[in-house]
Amino acid sequence: MSFLKKLFGGSGAETPAKATAESYKDYSITPTPIREGTAYRVSARIEKQIDDETKIHTLVRADTIGDLSQAEATSIAKAKQMIDEQGDRIFR
C-alpha cells in the first residue's frame, strides 16, 4: 500500500494549517514555514501598508526545525529581528 500512496501522491504528509498573522509595530508577520522532508525551513511573509500600497517581503532562512509550531515561532522571531534591524529598508 505504501508504494501506491507514493505513486499517486498520497504521502500522508501533514499539511500545515494556514497560519495567523501577527502584528508587530506597523508590520504584519505571517509565519510560512516550508516543509522539507521531516523538517521545516524558517520562513515568513512581512507586510506593511505604505501610502496606498501594501509592501511585501518574504523572509527565508537556512535554519530548519523539526517541529511545525516551533518553526512558526522561530519564523516570527526572525521576522521581528529583521524589522528591528532594517525597518522599511527590507522592501527595497
PDB file of N, CA and C in Angstrom:
ATOM      1  N   MET A   1       0.817  -1.192   0.000  1.00  0.00           N
ATOM      2  CA  MET A   1       0.000   0.000   0.000  1.00  0.00           C
ATOM      3  C   MET A   1       0.861   1.257   0.000  1.00  0.00           C
ATOM      4  N   SER A   2       1.981   1.258   0.697  1.00  0.00           N
ATOM      5  CA  SER A   2       2.873   2.406   0.760  1.00  0.00           C
ATOM      6  C   SER A   2       3.358   2.801  -0.638  1.00  0.00           C
ATOM      7  N   PHE A   3       3.659   1.787  -1.463  1.00  0.00           N
ATOM      8  CA  PHE A   3       4.103   2.044  -2.829  1.00  0.00           C
ATOM      9  C   PHE A   3       3.039   2.803  -3.613  1.00  0.00           C
ATOM     10  N   LEU A   4       1.782   2.397  -3.465  1.00  0.00           N
ATOM     11  CA  LEU A   4       0.690   3.055  -4.181  1.00  0.00           C
ATOM     12  C   LEU A   4       0.473   4.489  -3.703  1.00  0.00           C
ATOM     13  N   LYS A   5       0.626   4.722  -2.403  1.00  0.00           N
ATOM     14  CA  LYS A   5       0.498   6.084  -1.887  1.00  0.00           C
ATOM     15  C   LYS A   5       1.566   6.991  -2.483  1.00  0.00           C
ATOM     16  N   LYS A   6       2.796   6.501  -2.539  1.00  0.00           N
ATOM     17  CA  LYS A   6       3.880   7.299  -3.115  1.00  0.00           C
ATOM     18  C   LYS A   6       3.647   7.529  -4.599  1.00  0.00           C
ATOM     19  N   LEU A   7       3.170   6.508  -5.283  1.00  0.00           N
ATOM     20  CA  LEU A   7       2.947   6.602  -6.717  1.00  0.00           C
ATOM     21  C   LEU A   7       1.867   7.616  -7.059  1.00  0.00           C
ATOM     22  N   PHE A   8       0.797   7.648  -6.270  1.00  0.00           N
ATOM     23  CA  PHE A   8      -0.333   8.529  -6.571  1.00  0.00           C
ATOM     24  C   PHE A   8      -0.393   9.763  -5.690  1.00  0.00           C
ATOM     25  N   GLY A   9       0.687  10.094  -5.014  1.00  0.00           N
ATOM     26  CA  GLY A   9       0.750  11.340  -4.264  1.00  0.00           C
ATOM     27  C   GLY A   9       0.156  11.308  -2.879  1.00  0.00           C
ATOM     28  N   GLY A  10      -0.257  10.201  -2.399  1.00  0.00           N
ATOM     29  CA  GLY A  10      -0.812  10.114  -1.052  1.00  0.00           C
ATOM     30  C   GLY A  10       0.277   9.885  -0.042  1.00  0.00           C
ATOM     31  N   SER A  11       1.159  10.827   0.145  1.00  0.00           N
ATOM     32  CA  SER A  11       2.316  10.634   1.012  1.00  0.00           C
ATOM     33  C   SER A  11       1.954  10.598   2.486  1.00  0.00           C
ATOM     34  N   GLY A  12       0.745  11.101   2.825  1.00  0.00           N
ATOM     35  CA  GLY A  12       0.363  11.123   4.225  1.00  0.00           C
ATOM     36  C   GLY A  12       1.031  12.246   4.994  1.00  0.00           C
ATOM     37  N   ALA A  13       1.748  13.120   4.307  1.00  0.00           N
ATOM     38  CA  ALA A  13       2.427  14.226   4.977  1.00  0.00           C
ATOM     39  C   ALA A  13       1.399  15.204   5.519  1.00  0.00           C
ATOM     40  N   GLU A  14       1.690  15.738   6.688  1.00  0.00           N
ATOM     41  CA  GLU A  14       0.757  16.690   7.280  1.00  0.00           C
ATOM     42  C   GLU A  14       0.804  17.988   6.492  1.00  0.00           C
ATOM     43  N   THR A  15      -0.354  18.553   6.267  1.00  0.00           N
ATOM     44  CA  THR A  15      -0.444  19.829   5.582  1.00  0.00           C
ATOM     45  C   THR A  15      -0.600  20.907   6.643  1.00  0.00           C
ATOM     46  N   PRO A  16       0.354  21.858   6.724  1.00  0.00           N
ATOM     47  CA  PRO A  16       0.254  22.885   7.749  1.00  0.00           C
ATOM     48  C   PRO A  16      -1.011  23.718   7.572  1.00  0.00           C
ATOM     49  N   ALA A  17      -1.651  24.031   8.684  1.00  0.00           N
ATOM     50  CA  ALA A  17      -2.833  24.895   8.645  1.00  0.00           C
ATOM     51  C   ALA A  17      -2.392  26.318   8.302  1.00  0.00           C
ATOM     52  N   LYS A  18      -3.301  27.094   7.777  1.00  0.00           N
ATOM     53  CA  LYS A  18      -2.995  28.475   7.434  1.00  0.00           C
ATOM     54  C   LYS A  18      -2.662  29.216   8.725  1.00  0.00           C
ATOM     55  N   ALA A  19      -1.475  29.797   8.782  1.00  0.00           N
ATOM     56  CA  ALA A  19      -1.013  30.483   9.977  1.00  0.00           C
ATOM     57  C   ALA A  19      -1.692  31.841  10.107  1.00  0.00           C
ATOM     58  N   THR A  20      -1.825  32.286  11.332  1.00  0.00           N
ATOM     59  CA  THR A  20      -2.432  33.575  11.623  1.00  0.00           C
ATOM     60  C   THR A  20      -1.360  34.645  11.649  1.00  0.00           C
ATOM     61  N   ALA A  21      -1.671  35.784  11.028  1.00  0.00           N
ATOM     62  CA  ALA A  21      -0.736  36.909  11.010  1.00  0.00           C
ATOM     63  C   ALA A  21      -0.644  37.527  12.407  1.00  0.00           C
ATOM     64  N   GLU A  22       0.530  38.043  12.708  1.00  0.00           N
ATOM     65  CA  GLU A  22       0.771  38.705  13.986  1.00  0.00           C
ATOM     66  C   GLU A  22       1.212  40.135  13.702  1.00  0.00           C
ATOM     67  N   SER A  23       0.660  41.091  14.430  1.00  0.00           N
ATOM     68  CA  SER A  23       1.056  42.491  14.268  1.00  0.00           C
ATOM     69  C   SER A  23       2.291  42.770  15.111  1.00  0.00           C
ATOM     70  N   TYR A  24       3.218  43.523  14.523  1.00  0.00           N
ATOM     71  CA  TYR A  24       4.431  43.937  15.235  1.00  0.00           C
ATOM     72  C   TYR A  24       4.800  45.309  14.717  1.00  0.00           C
ATOM     73  N   LYS A  25       4.769  46.287  15.612  1.00  0.00           N
ATOM     74  CA  LYS A  25       4.952  47.683  15.239  1.00  0.00           C
ATOM     75  C   LYS A  25       3.905  47.995  14.172  1.00  0.00           C
ATOM     76  N   ASP A  26       4.270  48.480  13.018  1.00  0.00           N
ATOM     77  CA  ASP A  26       3.295  48.751  11.948  1.00  0.00           C
ATOM     78  C   ASP A  26       3.301  47.657  10.893  1.00  0.00           C
ATOM     79  N   TYR A  27       3.866  46.501  11.198  1.00  0.00           N
ATOM     80  CA  TYR A  27       4.027  45.412  10.245  1.00  0.00           C
ATOM     81  C   TYR A  27       3.087  44.263  10.577  1.00  0.00           C
ATOM     82  N   SER A  28       2.812  43.446   9.574  1.00  0.00           N
ATOM     83  CA  SER A  28       2.066  42.208   9.750  1.00  0.00           C
ATOM     84  C   SER A  28       3.010  41.063   9.386  1.00  0.00           C
ATOM     85  N   ILE A  29       3.148  40.105  10.288  1.00  0.00           N
ATOM     86  CA  ILE A  29       4.046  38.973  10.072  1.00  0.00           C
ATOM     87  C   ILE A  29       3.215  37.697  10.019  1.00  0.00           C
ATOM     88  N   THR A  30       3.362  36.946   8.930  1.00  0.00           N
ATOM     89  CA  THR A  30       2.682  35.665   8.795  1.00  0.00           C
ATOM     90  C   THR A  30       3.739  34.573   8.665  1.00  0.00           C
ATOM     91  N   PRO A  31       3.827  33.668   9.636  1.00  0.00           N
ATOM     92  CA  PRO A  31       4.805  32.589   9.510  1.00  0.00           C
ATOM     93  C   PRO A  31       4.402  31.651   8.377  1.00  0.00           C
ATOM     94  N   THR A  32       5.374  31.279   7.543  1.00  0.00           N
ATOM     95  CA  THR A  32       5.115  30.395   6.403  1.00  0.00           C
ATOM     96  C   THR A  32       6.211  29.336   6.299  1.00  0.00           C
ATOM     97  N   PRO A  33       6.412  28.531   7.357  1.00  0.00           N
ATOM     98  CA  PRO A  33       7.471  27.513   7.299  1.00  0.00           C
ATOM     99  C   PRO A  33       7.316  26.626   6.065  1.00  0.00           C
ATOM    100  N   ILE A  34       8.435  26.271   5.477  1.00  0.00           N
ATOM    101  CA  ILE A  34       8.455  25.464   4.257  1.00  0.00           C
ATOM    102  C   ILE A  34       8.846  24.038   4.631  1.00  0.00           C
ATOM    103  N   ARG A  35       7.987  23.079   4.328  1.00  0.00           N
ATOM    104  CA  ARG A  35       8.269  21.678   4.655  1.00  0.00           C
ATOM    105  C   ARG A  35       9.370  21.141   3.762  1.00  0.00           C
ATOM    106  N   GLU A  36      10.379  20.565   4.378  1.00  0.00           N
ATOM    107  CA  GLU A  36      11.487  19.933   3.661  1.00  0.00           C
ATOM    108  C   GLU A  36      11.779  18.605   4.342  1.00  0.00           C
ATOM    109  N   GLY A  37      11.242  17.560   3.786  1.00  0.00           N
ATOM    110  CA  GLY A  37      11.421  16.233   4.386  1.00  0.00           C
ATOM    111  C   GLY A  37      10.713  16.170   5.722  1.00  0.00           C
ATOM    112  N   THR A  38      11.463  15.904   6.775  1.00  0.00           N
ATOM    113  CA  THR A  38      10.873  15.800   8.108  1.00  0.00           C
ATOM    114  C   THR A  38      11.013  17.087   8.910  1.00  0.00           C
ATOM    115  N   ALA A  39      11.542  18.135   8.304  1.00  0.00           N
ATOM    116  CA  ALA A  39      11.760  19.405   8.998  1.00  0.00           C
ATOM    117  C   ALA A  39      11.069  20.544   8.253  1.00  0.00           C
ATOM    118  N   TYR A  40      11.111  21.727   8.861  1.00  0.00           N
ATOM    119  CA  TYR A  40      10.519  22.922   8.277  1.00  0.00           C
ATOM    120  C   TYR A  40      11.576  24.023   8.202  1.00  0.00           C
ATOM    121  N   ARG A  41      11.683  24.642   7.036  1.00  0.00           N
ATOM    122  CA  ARG A  41      12.593  25.775   6.862  1.00  0.00           C
ATOM    123  C   ARG A  41      11.917  27.022   7.403  1.00  0.00           C
ATOM    124  N   VAL A  42      12.665  27.842   8.146  1.00  0.00           N
ATOM    125  CA  VAL A  42      12.149  29.075   8.720  1.00  0.00           C
ATOM    126  C   VAL A  42      11.826  30.052   7.591  1.00  0.00           C
ATOM    127  N   SER A  43      10.577  30.526   7.571  1.00  0.00           N
ATOM    128  CA  SER A  43      10.121  31.435   6.526  1.00  0.00           C
ATOM    129  C   SER A  43       8.929  32.241   7.039  1.00  0.00           C
ATOM    130  N   ALA A  44       8.842  33.506   6.594  1.00  0.00           N
ATOM    131  CA  ALA A  44       7.718  34.354   6.995  1.00  0.00           C
ATOM    132  C   ALA A  44       7.466  35.412   5.927  1.00  0.00           C
ATOM    133  N   ARG A  45       6.224  35.885   5.881  1.00  0.00           N
ATOM    134  CA  ARG A  45       5.867  36.989   4.992  1.00  0.00           C
ATOM    135  C   ARG A  45       5.682  38.225   5.871  1.00  0.00           C
ATOM    136  N   ILE A  46       6.395  39.299   5.519  1.00  0.00           N
ATOM    137  CA  ILE A  46       6.314  40.560   6.255  1.00  0.00           C
ATOM    138  C   ILE A  46       5.601  41.559   5.360  1.00  0.00           C
ATOM    139  N   GLU A  47       4.553  42.199   5.889  1.00  0.00           N
ATOM    140  CA  GLU A  47       3.781  43.160   5.108  1.00  0.00           C
ATOM    141  C   GLU A  47       3.657  44.472   5.876  1.00  0.00           C
ATOM    142  N   LYS A  48       3.569  45.568   5.104  1.00  0.00           N
ATOM    143  CA  LYS A  48       3.331  46.881   5.700  1.00  0.00           C
ATOM    144  C   LYS A  48       2.635  47.751   4.672  1.00  0.00           C
ATOM    145  N   GLN A  49       1.639  48.494   5.134  1.00  0.00           N
ATOM    146  CA  GLN A  49       0.936  49.440   4.276  1.00  0.00           C
ATOM    147  C   GLN A  49       1.730  50.746   4.282  1.00  0.00           C
ATOM    148  N   ILE A  50       2.243  51.134   3.110  1.00  0.00           N
ATOM    149  CA  ILE A  50       2.981  52.392   2.960  1.00  0.00           C
ATOM    150  C   ILE A  50       2.266  53.203   1.896  1.00  0.00           C
ATOM    151  N   ASP A  51       1.784  54.380   2.299  1.00  0.00           N
ATOM    152  CA  ASP A  51       0.935  55.209   1.449  1.00  0.00           C
ATOM    153  C   ASP A  51      -0.278  54.367   1.044  1.00  0.00           C
ATOM    154  N   ASP A  52      -0.512  54.182  -0.234  1.00  0.00           N
ATOM    155  CA  ASP A  52      -1.662  53.389  -0.681  1.00  0.00           C
ATOM    156  C   ASP A  52      -1.246  52.021  -1.206  1.00  0.00           C
ATOM    157  N   GLU A  53      -0.066  51.581  -0.833  1.00  0.00           N
ATOM    158  CA  GLU A  53       0.471  50.333  -1.374  1.00  0.00           C
ATOM    159  C   GLU A  53       0.871  49.385  -0.247  1.00  0.00           C
ATOM    160  N   THR A  54       0.549  48.103  -0.413  1.00  0.00           N
ATOM    161  CA  THR A  54       0.983  47.081   0.535  1.00  0.00           C
ATOM    162  C   THR A  54       2.325  46.539   0.068  1.00  0.00           C
ATOM    163  N   LYS A  55       3.348  46.760   0.872  1.00  0.00           N
ATOM    164  CA  LYS A  55       4.684  46.243   0.571  1.00  0.00           C
ATOM    165  C   LYS A  55       4.820  44.870   1.218  1.00  0.00           C
ATOM    166  N   ILE A  56       5.455  43.947   0.495  1.00  0.00           N
ATOM    167  CA  ILE A  56       5.616  42.574   0.990  1.00  0.00           C
ATOM    168  C   ILE A  56       7.069  42.144   0.844  1.00  0.00           C
ATOM    169  N   HIS A  57       7.596  41.531   1.906  1.00  0.00           N
ATOM    170  CA  HIS A  57       8.933  40.931   1.860  1.00  0.00           C
ATOM    171  C   HIS A  57       8.802  39.488   2.336  1.00  0.00           C
ATOM    172  N   THR A  58       9.415  38.568   1.617  1.00  0.00           N
ATOM    173  CA  THR A  58       9.413  37.162   2.018  1.00  0.00           C
ATOM    174  C   THR A  58      10.768  36.826   2.621  1.00  0.00           C
ATOM    175  N   LEU A  59      10.739  36.429   3.876  1.00  0.00           N
ATOM    176  CA  LEU A  59      11.938  36.047   4.614  1.00  0.00           C
ATOM    177  C   LEU A  59      12.082  34.532   4.537  1.00  0.00           C
ATOM    178  N   VAL A  60      13.226  34.055   4.065  1.00  0.00           N
ATOM    179  CA  VAL A  60      13.517  32.617   4.054  1.00  0.00           C
ATOM    180  C   VAL A  60      14.917  32.450   4.622  1.00  0.00           C
ATOM    181  N   ARG A  61      15.029  31.622   5.650  1.00  0.00           N
ATOM    182  CA  ARG A  61      16.309  31.380   6.313  1.00  0.00           C
ATOM    183  C   ARG A  61      16.783  29.958   6.026  1.00  0.00           C
ATOM    184  N   ALA A  62      18.046  29.726   6.246  1.00  0.00           N
ATOM    185  CA  ALA A  62      18.608  28.385   6.052  1.00  0.00           C
ATOM    186  C   ALA A  62      18.254  27.448   7.203  1.00  0.00           C
ATOM    187  N   ASP A  63      17.844  28.003   8.341  1.00  0.00           N
ATOM    188  CA  ASP A  63      17.523  27.209   9.526  1.00  0.00           C
ATOM    189  C   ASP A  63      16.367  26.246   9.254  1.00  0.00           C
ATOM    190  N   THR A  64      16.494  25.017   9.732  1.00  0.00           N
ATOM    191  CA  THR A  64      15.387  24.062   9.670  1.00  0.00           C
ATOM    192  C   THR A  64      15.097  23.556  11.076  1.00  0.00           C
ATOM    193  N   ILE A  65      13.808  23.318  11.336  1.00  0.00           N
ATOM    194  CA  ILE A  65      13.357  22.889  12.660  1.00  0.00           C
ATOM    195  C   ILE A  65      12.372  21.737  12.471  1.00  0.00           C
ATOM    196  N   GLY A  66      12.460  20.732  13.305  1.00  0.00           N
ATOM    197  CA  GLY A  66      11.638  19.537  13.169  1.00  0.00           C
ATOM    198  C   GLY A  66      10.178  19.699  13.558  1.00  0.00           C
ATOM    199  N   ASP A  67       9.862  20.658  14.413  1.00  0.00           N
ATOM    200  CA  ASP A  67       8.506  20.831  14.915  1.00  0.00           C
ATOM    201  C   ASP A  67       7.853  22.042  14.242  1.00  0.00           C
ATOM    202  N   LEU A  68       6.648  21.871  13.690  1.00  0.00           N
ATOM    203  CA  LEU A  68       5.963  22.938  12.957  1.00  0.00           C
ATOM    204  C   LEU A  68       5.691  24.161  13.832  1.00  0.00           C
ATOM    205  N   SER A  69       5.162  23.956  15.025  1.00  0.00           N
ATOM    206  CA  SER A  69       4.844  25.110  15.876  1.00  0.00           C
ATOM    207  C   SER A  69       6.106  25.863  16.285  1.00  0.00           C
ATOM    208  N   GLN A  70       7.194  25.156  16.518  1.00  0.00           N
ATOM    209  CA  GLN A  70       8.460  25.806  16.850  1.00  0.00           C
ATOM    210  C   GLN A  70       9.005  26.549  15.630  1.00  0.00           C
ATOM    211  N   ALA A  71       8.831  25.986  14.440  1.00  0.00           N
ATOM    212  CA  ALA A  71       9.274  26.656  13.209  1.00  0.00           C
ATOM    213  C   ALA A  71       8.482  27.944  12.988  1.00  0.00           C
ATOM    214  N   GLU A  72       7.182  27.917  13.293  1.00  0.00           N
ATOM    215  CA  GLU A  72       6.364  29.129  13.173  1.00  0.00           C
ATOM    216  C   GLU A  72       6.829  30.194  14.162  1.00  0.00           C
ATOM    217  N   ALA A  73       7.078  29.802  15.404  1.00  0.00           N
ATOM    218  CA  ALA A  73       7.534  30.746  16.427  1.00  0.00           C
ATOM    219  C   ALA A  73       8.893  31.336  16.058  1.00  0.00           C
ATOM    220  N   THR A  74       9.784  30.512  15.553  1.00  0.00           N
ATOM    221  CA  THR A  74      11.106  30.987  15.145  1.00  0.00           C
ATOM    222  C   THR A  74      10.999  31.909  13.937  1.00  0.00           C
ATOM    223  N   SER A  75      10.098  31.599  13.019  1.00  0.00           N
ATOM    224  CA  SER A  75       9.885  32.449  11.841  1.00  0.00           C
ATOM    225  C   SER A  75       9.429  33.841  12.262  1.00  0.00           C
ATOM    226  N   ILE A  76       8.525  33.916  13.222  1.00  0.00           N
ATOM    227  CA  ILE A  76       8.058  35.209  13.727  1.00  0.00           C
ATOM    228  C   ILE A  76       9.187  35.954  14.426  1.00  0.00           C
ATOM    229  N   ALA A  77       9.954  35.253  15.244  1.00  0.00           N
ATOM    230  CA  ALA A  77      11.069  35.887  15.956  1.00  0.00           C
ATOM    231  C   ALA A  77      12.115  36.444  14.985  1.00  0.00           C
ATOM    232  N   LYS A  78      12.440  35.677  13.940  1.00  0.00           N
ATOM    233  CA  LYS A  78      13.423  36.137  12.951  1.00  0.00           C
ATOM    234  C   LYS A  78      12.888  37.331  12.164  1.00  0.00           C
ATOM    235  N   ALA A  79      11.590  37.337  11.866  1.00  0.00           N
ATOM    236  CA  ALA A  79      10.987  38.470  11.159  1.00  0.00           C
ATOM    237  C   ALA A  79      11.045  39.726  12.032  1.00  0.00           C
ATOM    238  N   LYS A  80      10.739  39.595  13.319  1.00  0.00           N
ATOM    239  CA  LYS A  80      10.815  40.736  14.235  1.00  0.00           C
ATOM    240  C   LYS A  80      12.238  41.278  14.314  1.00  0.00           C
ATOM    241  N   GLN A  81      13.203  40.369  14.368  1.00  0.00           N
ATOM    242  CA  GLN A  81      14.606  40.775  14.413  1.00  0.00           C
ATOM    243  C   GLN A  81      14.973  41.562  13.156  1.00  0.00           C
ATOM    244  N   MET A  82      14.525  41.083  11.992  1.00  0.00           N
ATOM    245  CA  MET A  82      14.815  41.766  10.735  1.00  0.00           C
ATOM    246  C   MET A  82      14.170  43.157  10.704  1.00  0.00           C
ATOM    247  N   ILE A  83      12.942  43.254  11.188  1.00  0.00           N
ATOM    248  CA  ILE A  83      12.248  44.545  11.240  1.00  0.00           C
ATOM    249  C   ILE A  83      13.009  45.514  12.140  1.00  0.00           C
ATOM    250  N   ASP A  84      13.439  45.037  13.312  1.00  0.00           N
ATOM    251  CA  ASP A  84      14.183  45.881  14.249  1.00  0.00           C
ATOM    252  C   ASP A  84      15.501  46.363  13.647  1.00  0.00           C
ATOM    253  N   GLU A  85      16.176  45.498  12.908  1.00  0.00           N
ATOM    254  CA  GLU A  85      17.469  45.846  12.340  1.00  0.00           C
ATOM    255  C   GLU A  85      17.376  46.704  11.087  1.00  0.00           C
ATOM    256  N   GLN A  86      16.365  46.452  10.235  1.00  0.00           N
ATOM    257  CA  GLN A  86      16.333  47.095   8.924  1.00  0.00           C
ATOM    258  C   GLN A  86      15.153  48.034   8.700  1.00  0.00           C
ATOM    259  N   GLY A  87      14.087  47.865   9.442  1.00  0.00           N
ATOM    260  CA  GLY A  87      12.919  48.721   9.241  1.00  0.00           C
ATOM    261  C   GLY A  87      12.392  48.602   7.820  1.00  0.00           C
ATOM    262  N   ASP A  88      11.977  49.735   7.246  1.00  0.00           N
ATOM    263  CA  ASP A  88      11.389  49.731   5.898  1.00  0.00           C
ATOM    264  C   ASP A  88      12.390  49.412   4.793  1.00  0.00           C
ATOM    265  N   ARG A  89      13.671  49.369   5.111  1.00  0.00           N
ATOM    266  CA  ARG A  89      14.675  49.014   4.086  1.00  0.00           C
ATOM    267  C   ARG A  89      14.497  47.596   3.563  1.00  0.00           C
ATOM    268  N   ILE A  90      13.774  46.753   4.277  1.00  0.00           N
ATOM    269  CA  ILE A  90      13.570  45.374   3.803  1.00  0.00           C
ATOM    270  C   ILE A  90      12.765  45.346   2.512  1.00  0.00           C
ATOM    271  N   PHE A  91      12.059  46.423   2.200  1.00  0.00           N
ATOM    272  CA  PHE A  91      11.225  46.466   0.991  1.00  0.00           C
ATOM    273  C   PHE A  91      11.966  47.010  -0.216  1.00  0.00           C
ATOM    274  N   ARG A  92      13.218  47.342  -0.103  1.00  0.00           N
ATOM    275  CA  ARG A  92      13.983  47.870  -1.238  1.00  0.00           C
ATOM    276  C   ARG A  92      14.482  46.765  -2.118  1.00  0.00           C
TER     277      ARG A  92
END
